[in-house]
N, C-alpha and C. Protein backbone atom coordinates (compact mmCIF):
# COMPACT_ATOMS: atom_id res chain seq x y z
N UNK A 1 98.52 57.60 -23.29
CA UNK A 1 98.27 56.47 -24.13
C UNK A 1 97.94 55.17 -23.56
N UNK A 2 98.72 54.82 -22.56
CA UNK A 2 98.53 53.61 -21.86
C UNK A 2 97.20 53.61 -21.21
N UNK A 3 96.91 54.85 -20.57
CA UNK A 3 95.58 54.87 -19.97
C UNK A 3 94.43 54.56 -20.78
N UNK A 4 94.52 54.94 -22.09
CA UNK A 4 93.45 54.71 -22.99
C UNK A 4 93.26 53.16 -23.39
N UNK A 5 94.21 52.48 -23.18
CA UNK A 5 94.22 50.98 -23.42
C UNK A 5 93.32 50.26 -22.34
N UNK A 6 92.93 50.96 -21.24
CA UNK A 6 92.16 50.28 -20.22
C UNK A 6 90.89 51.11 -19.87
N UNK A 7 90.70 52.12 -20.74
CA UNK A 7 89.49 53.06 -20.59
C UNK A 7 88.61 53.03 -21.71
N UNK A 8 87.47 52.48 -21.62
CA UNK A 8 86.48 52.47 -22.74
C UNK A 8 85.58 53.71 -22.83
N UNK A 9 85.35 54.18 -24.06
CA UNK A 9 84.43 55.21 -24.22
C UNK A 9 83.15 54.58 -24.79
N UNK A 10 82.02 54.68 -24.00
CA UNK A 10 80.76 54.06 -24.31
C UNK A 10 79.86 55.23 -24.80
N UNK A 11 79.45 55.21 -26.01
CA UNK A 11 78.50 56.22 -26.52
C UNK A 11 77.24 55.43 -26.72
N UNK A 12 76.08 56.14 -26.42
CA UNK A 12 74.82 55.46 -26.56
C UNK A 12 73.77 56.43 -26.99
N UNK A 13 72.69 55.92 -27.63
CA UNK A 13 71.50 56.68 -28.02
C UNK A 13 70.41 56.33 -27.03
N UNK A 14 69.62 57.09 -26.45
CA UNK A 14 68.63 56.62 -25.50
C UNK A 14 69.17 56.31 -24.19
N UNK A 15 68.43 55.45 -23.44
CA UNK A 15 68.94 55.21 -22.07
C UNK A 15 69.75 53.91 -22.05
N UNK A 16 70.81 54.04 -21.10
CA UNK A 16 71.78 52.83 -20.87
C UNK A 16 71.82 52.65 -19.48
N UNK A 17 71.34 51.66 -18.91
CA UNK A 17 71.39 51.33 -17.51
C UNK A 17 72.73 51.03 -16.91
N UNK A 18 72.79 51.29 -15.67
CA UNK A 18 74.14 50.91 -14.92
C UNK A 18 74.53 49.49 -15.20
N UNK A 19 73.44 48.63 -15.07
CA UNK A 19 73.71 47.18 -15.23
C UNK A 19 74.32 46.90 -16.76
N UNK A 20 73.86 47.58 -17.60
CA UNK A 20 74.37 47.38 -19.05
C UNK A 20 75.80 47.78 -19.16
N UNK A 21 76.10 48.98 -18.55
CA UNK A 21 77.43 49.36 -18.59
C UNK A 21 78.40 48.38 -17.69
N UNK A 22 77.92 47.96 -16.63
CA UNK A 22 78.68 46.83 -15.83
C UNK A 22 78.95 45.68 -16.63
N UNK A 23 77.91 45.10 -17.36
CA UNK A 23 78.09 43.98 -18.20
C UNK A 23 79.09 44.27 -19.33
N UNK A 24 79.00 45.43 -19.99
CA UNK A 24 80.01 45.73 -21.04
C UNK A 24 81.38 45.76 -20.43
N UNK A 25 81.55 46.41 -19.31
CA UNK A 25 82.86 46.54 -18.74
C UNK A 25 83.44 45.07 -18.31
N UNK A 26 82.51 44.29 -17.79
CA UNK A 26 82.91 42.85 -17.36
C UNK A 26 83.35 42.10 -18.64
N UNK A 27 82.66 42.17 -19.77
CA UNK A 27 82.97 41.50 -21.00
C UNK A 27 84.39 42.05 -21.52
N UNK A 28 84.54 43.39 -21.54
CA UNK A 28 85.71 43.98 -22.10
C UNK A 28 86.93 43.56 -21.13
N UNK A 29 86.84 43.59 -19.89
CA UNK A 29 87.91 43.10 -18.91
C UNK A 29 88.28 41.62 -19.35
N UNK A 30 87.25 40.80 -19.61
CA UNK A 30 87.48 39.34 -19.94
C UNK A 30 88.26 39.36 -21.25
N UNK A 31 87.80 40.12 -22.30
CA UNK A 31 88.38 40.18 -23.49
C UNK A 31 89.86 40.64 -23.53
N UNK A 32 90.06 41.63 -22.89
CA UNK A 32 91.29 42.27 -22.92
C UNK A 32 92.35 41.73 -21.83
N UNK A 33 91.80 40.99 -20.89
CA UNK A 33 92.59 40.43 -19.84
C UNK A 33 93.09 41.41 -18.84
N UNK A 34 92.38 42.47 -18.56
CA UNK A 34 92.88 43.51 -17.65
C UNK A 34 91.55 44.28 -17.26
N UNK A 35 91.60 44.90 -16.15
CA UNK A 35 90.43 45.84 -15.64
C UNK A 35 90.30 46.94 -16.68
N UNK A 36 88.99 47.19 -17.01
CA UNK A 36 88.60 48.24 -17.92
C UNK A 36 87.57 49.16 -17.22
N UNK A 37 87.88 50.43 -17.30
CA UNK A 37 86.88 51.40 -16.86
C UNK A 37 86.22 52.17 -17.93
N UNK A 38 85.29 53.07 -17.62
CA UNK A 38 84.54 53.63 -18.72
C UNK A 38 84.16 55.04 -18.44
N UNK A 39 84.19 55.73 -19.60
CA UNK A 39 83.47 57.13 -19.64
C UNK A 39 82.31 56.98 -20.50
N UNK A 40 81.12 57.37 -20.16
CA UNK A 40 79.89 57.21 -20.99
C UNK A 40 79.38 58.59 -21.48
N UNK A 41 78.76 58.63 -22.65
CA UNK A 41 78.25 59.89 -23.09
C UNK A 41 77.07 59.60 -24.15
N UNK A 42 76.04 60.28 -24.01
CA UNK A 42 74.88 60.13 -24.92
C UNK A 42 75.33 60.76 -26.22
N UNK A 43 75.03 60.07 -27.45
CA UNK A 43 75.17 60.43 -28.71
C UNK A 43 73.96 60.16 -29.56
N UNK A 44 73.09 61.22 -29.65
CA UNK A 44 71.86 60.89 -30.41
C UNK A 44 72.04 60.72 -31.95
N UNK A 45 73.23 60.91 -32.40
CA UNK A 45 73.50 60.66 -33.82
C UNK A 45 73.49 59.13 -34.14
N UNK A 46 73.73 58.35 -33.17
CA UNK A 46 73.58 56.99 -33.29
C UNK A 46 72.19 56.43 -33.55
N UNK A 47 71.23 57.19 -33.32
CA UNK A 47 69.68 56.93 -33.44
C UNK A 47 69.30 55.96 -32.43
N UNK A 48 69.83 54.67 -32.39
CA UNK A 48 69.64 53.81 -31.30
C UNK A 48 70.87 52.85 -31.39
N UNK A 49 71.28 52.36 -30.11
CA UNK A 49 72.42 51.36 -29.98
C UNK A 49 73.49 52.04 -29.28
N UNK A 50 74.72 51.40 -29.51
CA UNK A 50 75.84 51.76 -28.76
C UNK A 50 77.04 51.69 -29.58
N UNK A 51 78.10 52.52 -29.23
CA UNK A 51 79.39 52.48 -29.95
C UNK A 51 80.44 52.48 -28.68
N UNK A 52 81.41 51.46 -28.74
CA UNK A 52 82.32 51.44 -27.70
C UNK A 52 83.66 51.50 -28.27
N UNK A 53 84.47 52.46 -27.75
CA UNK A 53 85.90 52.58 -28.29
C UNK A 53 86.92 52.26 -27.10
N UNK A 54 87.93 51.48 -27.44
CA UNK A 54 89.05 51.23 -26.32
C UNK A 54 90.22 51.11 -27.10
N UNK A 55 91.21 52.04 -26.77
CA UNK A 55 92.42 51.96 -27.53
C UNK A 55 92.03 52.34 -29.00
N UNK A 56 92.60 51.52 -29.94
CA UNK A 56 92.28 51.63 -31.39
C UNK A 56 91.07 50.79 -31.87
N UNK A 57 90.45 50.08 -30.95
CA UNK A 57 89.30 49.13 -31.21
C UNK A 57 87.97 49.94 -31.19
N UNK A 58 87.16 49.68 -31.95
CA UNK A 58 85.79 50.24 -32.10
C UNK A 58 84.76 49.19 -32.32
N UNK A 59 83.80 49.05 -31.37
CA UNK A 59 82.61 48.01 -31.50
C UNK A 59 81.40 48.87 -31.61
N UNK A 60 80.70 48.60 -32.66
CA UNK A 60 79.40 49.40 -32.81
C UNK A 60 78.30 48.62 -33.22
N UNK A 61 77.22 48.80 -32.50
CA UNK A 61 75.83 48.19 -32.81
C UNK A 61 74.84 49.40 -32.80
N UNK A 62 74.79 50.03 -33.82
CA UNK A 62 73.81 51.23 -33.79
C UNK A 62 72.87 51.21 -35.13
N UNK A 63 71.79 51.79 -35.12
CA UNK A 63 70.98 51.86 -36.31
C UNK A 63 71.80 52.83 -37.27
N UNK A 64 72.48 53.85 -36.87
CA UNK A 64 73.26 54.70 -37.82
C UNK A 64 74.21 53.83 -38.67
N UNK A 65 74.98 52.98 -37.95
CA UNK A 65 75.90 52.21 -38.68
C UNK A 65 75.29 51.19 -39.61
N UNK A 66 74.19 50.67 -39.23
CA UNK A 66 73.36 49.70 -40.08
C UNK A 66 72.99 50.27 -41.35
N UNK A 67 72.43 51.64 -41.20
CA UNK A 67 71.91 52.44 -42.27
C UNK A 67 73.07 52.65 -43.27
N UNK A 68 74.27 53.16 -42.69
CA UNK A 68 75.44 53.43 -43.52
C UNK A 68 75.85 52.07 -44.36
N UNK A 69 75.80 50.97 -43.68
CA UNK A 69 76.21 49.72 -44.46
C UNK A 69 75.10 49.40 -45.48
N UNK A 70 73.84 49.59 -45.29
CA UNK A 70 72.88 49.41 -46.16
C UNK A 70 72.99 50.34 -47.38
N UNK A 71 73.19 51.48 -47.19
CA UNK A 71 73.46 52.62 -48.12
C UNK A 71 74.64 52.28 -49.06
N UNK A 72 75.69 51.78 -48.43
CA UNK A 72 77.03 51.44 -49.21
C UNK A 72 76.69 50.18 -50.21
N UNK A 73 75.84 49.33 -49.64
CA UNK A 73 75.64 48.09 -50.41
C UNK A 73 74.72 48.33 -51.55
N UNK A 74 73.85 49.37 -51.40
CA UNK A 74 72.87 49.68 -52.51
C UNK A 74 73.47 50.63 -53.52
N UNK A 75 74.60 51.17 -53.30
CA UNK A 75 75.30 52.07 -54.18
C UNK A 75 76.00 51.54 -55.31
């Protein structure tokens, strides 16, 4: 459990450069005040964008989440 608080799961659709991963990890380390490592995986269900999970926190900027928000607002 403690390990998960310093390990981010980065899911992405399409290509994600090593520079982008390094930038994400740098920002997460700054936010959480501790070194953060990552496991990356491609997730085509996101359509485009990224979802980052660390501990119980989830950050998502994907087309799939924006479409879900739009569908909920129009219902």
